[in-house]
PDB file of N, CA and C in Angstrom:
ATOM      1  N   MET A   1     -69.278 -18.113 -22.832  1.00  0.00           N
ATOM      2  CA  MET A   1     -67.994 -17.303 -22.315  1.00  0.00           C
ATOM      3  C   MET A   1     -66.773 -18.084 -23.126  1.00  0.00           C
ATOM      4  N   PHE A   2     -66.052 -17.136 -23.540  1.00  0.00           N
ATOM      5  CA  PHE A   2     -64.697 -17.738 -24.267  1.00  0.00           C
ATOM      6  C   PHE A   2     -63.767 -18.175 -23.013  1.00  0.00           C
ATOM      7  N   SER A   3     -63.438 -19.480 -23.318  1.00  0.00           N
ATOM      8  CA  SER A   3     -62.521 -19.912 -22.233  1.00  0.00           C
ATOM      9  C   SER A   3     -60.907 -19.726 -22.620  1.00  0.00           C
ATOM     10  N   GLU A   4     -60.363 -19.172 -21.925  1.00  0.00           N
ATOM     11  CA  GLU A   4     -58.887 -18.650 -22.004  1.00  0.00           C
ATOM     12  C   GLU A   4     -58.103 -19.925 -21.946  1.00  0.00           C
ATOM     13  N   THR A   5     -58.543 -20.955 -21.484  1.00  0.00           N
ATOM     14  CA  THR A   5     -57.555 -22.420 -21.379  1.00  0.00           C
ATOM     15  C   THR A   5     -57.861 -23.226 -22.732  1.00  0.00           C
ATOM     16  N   GLN A   6     -58.489 -22.749 -23.663  1.00  0.00           N
ATOM     17  CA  GLN A   6     -58.590 -23.477 -24.968  1.00  0.00           C
ATOM     18  C   GLN A   6     -57.291 -23.475 -25.562  1.00  0.00           C
ATOM     19  N   ASN A   7     -56.925 -24.412 -26.401  1.00  0.00           N
ATOM     20  CA  ASN A   7     -55.698 -24.549 -27.082  1.00  0.00           C
ATOM     21  C   ASN A   7     -55.832 -23.438 -28.337  1.00  0.00           C
ATOM     22  N   VAL A   8     -55.331 -22.208 -28.101  1.00  0.00           N
ATOM     23  CA  VAL A   8     -55.289 -21.136 -29.098  1.00  0.00           C
ATOM     24  C   VAL A   8     -53.899 -20.985 -29.547  1.00  0.00           C
ATOM     25  N   LYS A   9     -53.831 -20.925 -30.981  1.00  0.00           N
ATOM     26  CA  LYS A   9     -52.544 -20.574 -31.471  1.00  0.00           C
ATOM     27  C   LYS A   9     -52.329 -19.084 -31.732  1.00  0.00           C
ATOM     28  N   TYR A  10     -51.183 -18.528 -31.625  1.00  0.00           N
ATOM     29  CA  TYR A  10     -50.986 -17.164 -31.699  1.00  0.00           C
ATOM     30  C   TYR A  10     -50.044 -16.823 -32.887  1.00  0.00           C
ATOM     31  N   ASP A  11     -50.366 -15.639 -33.462  1.00  0.00           N
ATOM     32  CA  ASP A  11     -49.405 -15.006 -34.397  1.00  0.00           C
ATOM     33  C   ASP A  11     -48.666 -14.076 -33.557  1.00  0.00           C
ATOM     34  N   VAL A  12     -47.155 -14.365 -33.609  1.00  0.00           N
ATOM     35  CA  VAL A  12     -46.327 -13.585 -32.722  1.00  0.00           C
ATOM     36  C   VAL A  12     -45.504 -12.402 -33.696  1.00  0.00           C
ATOM     37  N   LYS A  13     -45.565 -11.314 -33.157  1.00  0.00           N
ATOM     38  CA  LYS A  13     -44.440 -10.349 -33.770  1.00  0.00           C
ATOM     39  C   LYS A  13     -43.883  -9.661 -32.742  1.00  0.00           C
ATOM     40  N   THR A  14     -42.484  -9.853 -33.078  1.00  0.00           N
ATOM     41  CA  THR A  14     -41.477  -9.314 -32.125  1.00  0.00           C
ATOM     42  C   THR A  14     -40.693  -8.041 -32.599  1.00  0.00           C
ATOM     43  N   SER A  15     -40.695  -7.104 -31.782  1.00  0.00           N
ATOM     44  CA  SER A  15     -39.944  -5.772 -32.156  1.00  0.00           C
ATOM     45  C   SER A  15     -39.163  -5.278 -31.003  1.00  0.00           C
ATOM     46  N   THR A  16     -37.989  -4.567 -31.292  1.00  0.00           N
ATOM     47  CA  THR A  16     -37.206  -3.989 -30.152  1.00  0.00           C
ATOM     48  C   THR A  16     -37.152  -2.535 -30.398  1.00  0.00           C
ATOM     49  N   VAL A  17     -37.536  -1.877 -29.323  1.00  0.00           N
ATOM     50  CA  VAL A  17     -37.489  -0.488 -29.191  1.00  0.00           C
ATOM     51  C   VAL A  17     -36.647   0.110 -28.208  1.00  0.00           C
ATOM     52  N   ILE A  18     -36.195   1.480 -28.122  1.00  0.00           N
ATOM     53  CA  ILE A  18     -35.148   2.030 -27.290  1.00  0.00           C
ATOM     54  C   ILE A  18     -36.138   2.893 -26.482  1.00  0.00           C
ATOM     55  N   PHE A  19     -35.982   2.714 -25.226  1.00  0.00           N
ATOM     56  CA  PHE A  19     -36.771   3.571 -24.250  1.00  0.00           C
ATOM     57  C   PHE A  19     -35.815   3.918 -23.059  1.00  0.00           C
ATOM     58  N   GLN A  20     -35.533   5.274 -23.083  1.00  0.00           N
ATOM     59  CA  GLN A  20     -34.659   5.891 -22.170  1.00  0.00           C
ATOM     60  C   GLN A  20     -33.244   5.132 -22.187  1.00  0.00           C
ATOM     61  N   GLY A  21     -32.934   5.255 -23.411  1.00  0.00           N
ATOM     62  CA  GLY A  21     -31.457   4.580 -23.817  1.00  0.00           C
ATOM     63  C   GLY A  21     -31.366   3.008 -23.644  1.00  0.00           C
ATOM     64  N   LYS A  22     -32.413   2.268 -23.306  1.00  0.00           N
ATOM     65  CA  LYS A  22     -32.238   0.946 -23.099  1.00  0.00           C
ATOM     66  C   LYS A  22     -33.270   0.166 -24.079  1.00  0.00           C
ATOM     67  N   PRO A  23     -32.719  -0.846 -24.619  1.00  0.00           N
ATOM     68  CA  PRO A  23     -33.642  -1.601 -25.642  1.00  0.00           C
ATOM     69  C   PRO A  23     -34.632  -2.373 -24.754  1.00  0.00           C
ATOM     70  N   ILE A  24     -35.821  -2.315 -25.422  1.00  0.00           N
ATOM     71  CA  ILE A  24     -36.970  -3.044 -24.703  1.00  0.00           C
ATOM     72  C   ILE A  24     -37.618  -4.071 -25.874  1.00  0.00           C
ATOM     73  N   THR A  25     -37.589  -5.217 -25.554  1.00  0.00           N
ATOM     74  CA  THR A  25     -38.353  -6.211 -26.707  1.00  0.00           C
ATOM     75  C   THR A  25     -39.839  -6.245 -26.443  1.00  0.00           C
ATOM     76  N   LEU A  26     -40.590  -6.061 -27.659  1.00  0.00           N
ATOM     77  CA  LEU A  26     -41.782  -6.146 -27.414  1.00  0.00           C
ATOM     78  C   LEU A  26     -42.363  -7.344 -28.233  1.00  0.00           C
ATOM     79  N   VAL A  27     -43.332  -8.072 -27.545  1.00  0.00           N
ATOM     80  CA  VAL A  27     -43.875  -9.175 -28.161  1.00  0.00           C
ATOM     81  C   VAL A  27     -45.432  -8.953 -28.247  1.00  0.00           C
ATOM     82  N   GLU A  28     -45.783  -8.901 -29.446  1.00  0.00           N
ATOM     83  CA  GLU A  28     -47.373  -8.910 -29.799  1.00  0.00           C
ATOM     84  C   GLU A  28     -47.913 -10.205 -30.175  1.00  0.00           C
ATOM     85  N   ARG A  29     -48.754 -10.689 -29.395  1.00  0.00           N
ATOM     86  CA  ARG A  29     -49.522 -11.879 -29.562  1.00  0.00           C
ATOM     87  C   ARG A  29     -50.873 -11.794 -30.097  1.00  0.00           C
ATOM     88  N   THR A  30     -51.189 -12.197 -31.093  1.00  0.00           N
ATOM     89  CA  THR A  30     -52.523 -11.975 -31.515  1.00  0.00           C
ATOM     90  C   THR A  30     -53.193 -13.566 -31.719  1.00  0.00           C
ATOM     91  N   PRO A  31     -54.312 -13.752 -31.121  1.00  0.00           N
ATOM     92  CA  PRO A  31     -54.803 -15.076 -31.326  1.00  0.00           C
ATOM     93  C   PRO A  31     -55.334 -15.293 -32.642  1.00  0.00           C
ATOM     94  N   ILE A  32     -54.993 -16.586 -33.219  1.00  0.00           N
ATOM     95  CA  ILE A  32     -55.580 -17.031 -34.596  1.00  0.00           C
ATOM     96  C   ILE A  32     -56.845 -17.708 -34.214  1.00  0.00           C
ATOM     97  N   LEU A  33     -57.966 -17.013 -34.625  1.00  0.00           N
ATOM     98  CA  LEU A  33     -59.273 -17.557 -34.284  1.00  0.00           C
ATOM     99  C   LEU A  33     -60.084 -17.788 -35.581  1.00  0.00           C
ATOM    100  N   SER A  34     -61.049 -18.524 -35.500  1.00  0.00           N
ATOM    101  CA  SER A  34     -61.995 -18.922 -36.793  1.00  0.00           C
ATOM    102  C   SER A  34     -62.922 -17.706 -36.665  1.00  0.00           C
ATOM    103  N   PRO A  35     -63.523 -17.560 -37.737  1.00  0.00           N
ATOM    104  CA  PRO A  35     -64.610 -16.328 -37.862  1.00  0.00           C
ATOM    105  C   PRO A  35     -65.540 -16.374 -36.661  1.00  0.00           C
ATOM    106  N   ARG A  36     -66.209 -17.630 -36.392  1.00  0.00           N
ATOM    107  CA  ARG A  36     -67.193 -17.717 -35.550  1.00  0.00           C
ATOM    108  C   ARG A  36     -66.414 -17.515 -33.943  1.00  0.00           C
ATOM    109  N   GLN A  37     -65.284 -18.117 -33.833  1.00  0.00           N
ATOM    110  CA  GLN A  37     -64.686 -17.622 -32.491  1.00  0.00           C
ATOM    111  C   GLN A  37     -64.332 -16.019 -32.446  1.00  0.00           C
ATOM    112  N   ARG A  38     -63.824 -15.485 -33.420  1.00  0.00           N
ATOM    113  CA  ARG A  38     -63.679 -14.065 -33.499  1.00  0.00           C
ATOM    114  C   ARG A  38     -65.012 -13.312 -33.072  1.00  0.00           C
ATOM    115  N   GLU A  39     -66.018 -13.665 -33.709  1.00  0.00           N
ATOM    116  CA  GLU A  39     -67.342 -12.959 -33.401  1.00  0.00           C
ATOM    117  C   GLU A  39     -67.780 -13.075 -32.051  1.00  0.00           C
ATOM    118  N   GLN A  40     -67.630 -14.325 -31.434  1.00  0.00           N
ATOM    119  CA  GLN A  40     -67.989 -14.616 -30.166  1.00  0.00           C
ATOM    120  C   GLN A  40     -67.133 -13.851 -29.202  1.00  0.00           C
ATOM    121  N   ARG A  41     -65.697 -13.637 -29.376  1.00  0.00           N
ATOM    122  CA  ARG A  41     -65.076 -12.958 -28.612  1.00  0.00           C
ATOM    123  C   ARG A  41     -65.330 -11.586 -28.644  1.00  0.00           C
ATOM    124  N   LYS A  42     -65.731 -10.991 -29.871  1.00  0.00           N
ATOM    125  CA  LYS A  42     -66.049  -9.563 -30.148  1.00  0.00           C
ATOM    126  C   LYS A  42     -67.432  -9.166 -29.251  1.00  0.00           C
ATOM    127  N   LYS A  43     -68.437 -10.178 -29.426  1.00  0.00           N
ATOM    128  CA  LYS A  43     -69.632  -9.737 -28.614  1.00  0.00           C
ATOM    129  C   LYS A  43     -69.351  -9.844 -27.044  1.00  0.00           C
ATOM    130  N   GLU A  44     -68.575 -10.627 -26.563  1.00  0.00           N
ATOM    131  CA  GLU A  44     -68.144 -10.762 -25.185  1.00  0.00           C
ATOM    132  C   GLU A  44     -67.568  -9.441 -24.604  1.00  0.00           C
ATOM    133  N   ILE A  45     -66.494  -9.000 -25.466  1.00  0.00           N
ATOM    134  CA  ILE A  45     -65.856  -7.750 -25.298  1.00  0.00           C
ATOM    135  C   ILE A  45     -66.772  -6.515 -25.069  1.00  0.00           C
ATOM    136  N   GLU A  46     -67.736  -6.518 -26.257  1.00  0.00           N
ATOM    137  CA  GLU A  46     -68.536  -5.334 -26.334  1.00  0.00           C
ATOM    138  C   GLU A  46     -69.607  -5.274 -25.113  1.00  0.00           C
ATOM    139  N   GLY A  47     -70.036  -6.541 -24.662  1.00  0.00           N
ATOM    140  CA  GLY A  47     -70.973  -6.568 -23.555  1.00  0.00           C
ATOM    141  C   GLY A  47     -70.148  -6.109 -22.308  1.00  0.00           C
ATOM    142  N   LYS A  48     -68.872  -6.565 -22.207  1.00  0.00           N
ATOM    143  CA  LYS A  48     -68.281  -6.133 -20.872  1.00  0.00           C
ATOM    144  C   LYS A  48     -67.952  -4.576 -20.896  1.00  0.00           C
ATOM    145  N   LEU A  49     -67.573  -4.075 -21.963  1.00  0.00           N
ATOM    146  CA  LEU A  49     -67.436  -2.674 -22.288  1.00  0.00           C
ATOM    147  C   LEU A  49     -68.778  -1.898 -22.031  1.00  0.00           C
ATOM    148  N   PHE A  50     -69.813  -2.302 -22.507  1.00  0.00           N
ATOM    149  CA  PHE A  50     -71.051  -1.692 -22.388  1.00  0.00           C
ATOM    150  C   PHE A  50     -71.365  -1.623 -20.666  1.00  0.00           C
ATOM    151  N   ASN A  51     -71.126  -2.739 -20.066  1.00  0.00           N
ATOM    152  CA  ASN A  51     -71.421  -2.677 -18.563  1.00  0.00           C
ATOM    153  C   ASN A  51     -70.521  -1.801 -18.064  1.00  0.00           C
ATOM    154  N   ILE A  52     -69.354  -1.570 -18.280  1.00  0.00           N
ATOM    155  CA  ILE A  52     -68.498  -0.550 -17.670  1.00  0.00           C
ATOM    156  C   ILE A  52     -68.980   0.814 -17.888  1.00  0.00           C
ATOM    157  N   PHE A  53     -69.169   1.062 -19.152  1.00  0.00           N
ATOM    158  CA  PHE A  53     -69.530   2.355 -19.497  1.00  0.00           C
ATOM    159  C   PHE A  53     -70.934   2.885 -18.911  1.00  0.00           C
ATOM    160  N   ARG A  54     -71.999   1.814 -18.766  1.00  0.00           N
ATOM    161  CA  ARG A  54     -73.176   2.096 -18.029  1.00  0.00           C
ATOM    162  C   ARG A  54     -72.940   2.313 -16.594  1.00  0.00           C
ATOM    163  N   LYS A  55     -72.047   1.667 -16.004  1.00  0.00           N
ATOM    164  CA  LYS A  55     -71.769   1.899 -14.639  1.00  0.00           C
ATOM    165  C   LYS A  55     -71.337   3.349 -14.404  1.00  0.00           C
ATOM    166  N   TYR A  56     -70.422   3.891 -15.150  1.00  0.00           N
ATOM    167  CA  TYR A  56     -69.940   5.139 -15.051  1.00  0.00           C
ATOM    168  C   TYR A  56     -70.959   6.309 -15.501  1.00  0.00           C
ATOM    169  N   ALA A  57     -71.566   5.962 -16.500  1.00  0.00           N
ATOM    170  CA  ALA A  57     -72.921   6.695 -16.745  1.00  0.00           C
ATOM    171  C   ALA A  57     -73.883   7.068 -15.689  1.00  0.00           C
ATOM    172  N   ASN A  58     -73.979   5.886 -14.935  1.00  0.00           N
ATOM    173  CA  ASN A  58     -75.000   6.012 -13.961  1.00  0.00           C
ATOM    174  C   ASN A  58     -74.502   6.752 -12.716  1.00  0.00           C
ATOM    175  N   THR A  59     -73.148   6.692 -12.554  1.00  0.00           N
ATOM    176  CA  THR A  59     -72.485   7.431 -11.609  1.00  0.00           C
ATOM    177  C   THR A  59     -72.366   8.944 -11.785  1.00  0.00           C
ATOM    178  N   ASP A  60     -72.280   9.226 -13.055  1.00  0.00           N
ATOM    179  CA  ASP A  60     -72.257  10.698 -13.461  1.00  0.00           C
ATOM    180  C   ASP A  60     -73.761  11.395 -13.130  1.00  0.00           C
ATOM    181  N   LYS A  61     -74.727  10.587 -13.372  1.00  0.00           N
ATOM    182  CA  LYS A  61     -75.974  11.096 -13.141  1.00  0.00           C
ATOM    183  C   LYS A  61     -76.278  11.455 -11.710  1.00  0.00           C
ATOM    184  N   LYS A  62     -75.676  10.401 -10.824  1.00  0.00           N
ATOM    185  CA  LYS A  62     -75.830  10.675  -9.486  1.00  0.00           C
ATOM    186  C   LYS A  62     -75.220  11.801  -8.868  1.00  0.00           C
ATOM    187  N   SER A  63     -74.113  12.183  -9.479  1.00  0.00           N
ATOM    188  CA  SER A  63     -73.233  13.329  -9.028  1.00  0.00           C
ATOM    189  C   SER A  63     -73.651  14.603  -9.425  1.00  0.00           C
ATOM    190  N   ALA A  64     -74.564  14.654 -10.458  1.00  0.00           N
ATOM    191  CA  ALA A  64     -75.098  15.912 -11.163  1.00  0.00           C
ATOM    192  C   ALA A  64     -76.061  16.621 -10.149  1.00  0.00           C
TER     193      ALA A  64
END
Protein backbone atom coordinates (compact mmCIF):
# COMPACT_ATOMS: atom_id res chain seq x y z
CA MET A 1 0.00 0.00 0.00
CA PHE A 2 1.23 3.48 -0.84
CA SER A 3 2.12 5.40 2.27
CA GLU A 4 0.82 8.96 2.37
CA THR A 5 3.51 9.84 4.90
CA GLN A 6 6.29 9.42 2.36
CA ASN A 7 8.26 12.51 1.44
CA VAL A 8 6.52 13.29 -1.85
CA LYS A 9 7.13 16.43 -3.86
CA TYR A 10 4.22 18.08 -5.65
CA ASP A 11 3.74 20.07 -8.81
CA VAL A 12 1.57 23.01 -7.72
CA LYS A 13 -0.69 25.02 -10.03
CA THR A 14 -2.64 27.94 -8.63
CA SER A 15 -5.49 29.79 -10.31
CA THR A 16 -8.18 32.19 -9.23
CA VAL A 17 -11.79 31.91 -10.37
CA ILE A 18 -14.84 34.02 -9.67
CA PHE A 19 -17.72 32.18 -7.98
CA GLN A 20 -20.89 34.08 -7.11
CA GLY A 21 -18.99 37.33 -7.45
CA LYS A 22 -16.18 36.33 -5.09
CA PRO A 23 -12.65 35.31 -6.03
CA ILE A 24 -11.75 31.75 -5.06
CA THR A 25 -8.16 30.54 -5.18
CA LEU A 26 -7.77 26.99 -6.46
CA VAL A 27 -4.61 25.06 -5.69
CA GLU A 28 -4.01 21.89 -7.70
CA ARG A 29 -1.32 19.63 -6.29
CA THR A 30 -0.11 16.72 -8.38
CA PRO A 31 2.39 14.32 -6.82
CA ILE A 32 5.66 13.91 -8.68
CA LEU A 33 6.16 10.14 -8.71
CA SER A 34 8.58 7.77 -10.35
CA PRO A 35 7.07 5.51 -13.04
CA ARG A 36 7.13 2.60 -10.55
CA GLN A 37 5.37 4.63 -7.85
CA ARG A 38 2.82 5.92 -10.37
CA GLU A 39 2.01 2.35 -11.50
CA GLN A 40 1.73 1.18 -7.88
CA ARG A 41 -0.64 4.05 -7.03
CA LYS A 42 -2.71 3.34 -10.16
CA LYS A 43 -3.11 -0.35 -9.25
CA GLU A 44 -4.17 0.53 -5.69
CA ILE A 45 -6.81 2.98 -6.93
CA GLU A 46 -8.11 0.51 -9.52
CA GLY A 47 -8.42 -2.19 -6.86
CA LYS A 48 -10.32 0.09 -4.49
CA LEU A 49 -12.66 1.26 -7.25
CA PHE A 50 -13.28 -2.34 -8.33
CA ASN A 51 -14.31 -3.23 -4.76
CA ILE A 52 -16.71 -0.27 -4.65
CA PHE A 53 -18.28 -1.11 -8.00
CA ARG A 54 -18.55 -4.77 -7.05
CA LYS A 55 -20.29 -3.82 -3.81
CA TYR A 56 -22.92 -1.78 -5.63
CA ALA A 57 -23.32 -4.33 -8.43
CA ASN A 58 -24.12 -6.96 -5.77
CA THR A 59 -26.61 -4.57 -4.15
CA ASP A 60 -28.43 -4.05 -7.47
CA LYS A 61 -28.85 -7.81 -7.97
CA LYS A 62 -30.40 -8.20 -4.51
CA SER A 63 -32.98 -5.48 -5.12
CA ALA A 64 -34.06 -6.88 -8.52
